[in-house]
Amino acid sequence: MTHAASLLTLLACGPARPEPAELSTPAPLPAAVEAPASDLARLQALTQACDPLPGATRFKTDASRAEATVQLCRLEGAIWWRADADIDCDGAPDPRCAADRTRRSETSAKTSTGAFINSAEVPYLVVPLPSNGFRPKAHGIKTGWSGYGSAGVILYGDAMVYAPYADAGPAGVIGELSYAAAVALGIDPDPNRGGVEG
């Protein structure tokens, strides 16, 4: 794992929404994603201080960790957190993810054709299952087999990638992104030893 600055994930919140329109899998992203400097600077400024999400207790960065250190923070219309970055290789089979020792064949979202998301092709973020006083749906954060979930953005240093919520992670644990999101942010995407140590 890279030992560097933590990953910041910001996820849009809102009222319950109707089922999404039919979606297709987006084209693969280039290795580097250029975000407008003004967007990046604005998001960095908005997330300098944490306004803790009421009722939510801290999350662990890995299930094996003794201490829960990641606080969910709120902004108007969004929730954000700073955590490590484990690589999620779940979903549609891809040779780039074949070596992942913890890989699952499903993601929480599907494409419009009913296929599970290919984590090596689609940059997405992972949200923990309801736990630690945090229920994503209560904040309008959704994903499902009818399409991609809520919109989000992931920041790492001076890199930024827009990414939907497409997979649910373990309860009580936070800090995971897809292989493709790691590539887009310049993070080692190896599912067993890549990512960012928080």
Foldseek 3Di string as FASTA:
>chain_A
DAADFWKKKKFFFDAADPQDDAAAADFFDPLADDDPQVVLVVVVVVPPDFAFDPQADAFAQDPPDPDRDWTWGDDVRMIMITAWEAAAQEFPDDPLCVPQPPYHHAFFEAHSVQGHDGLLGAKAFEAADDARRDHRVVRNWDHHHNHFTTWMKMDDDSGIDIHTHIHYDYHRHHHYIGLSNCSHRVWPSRNPPTTYHD
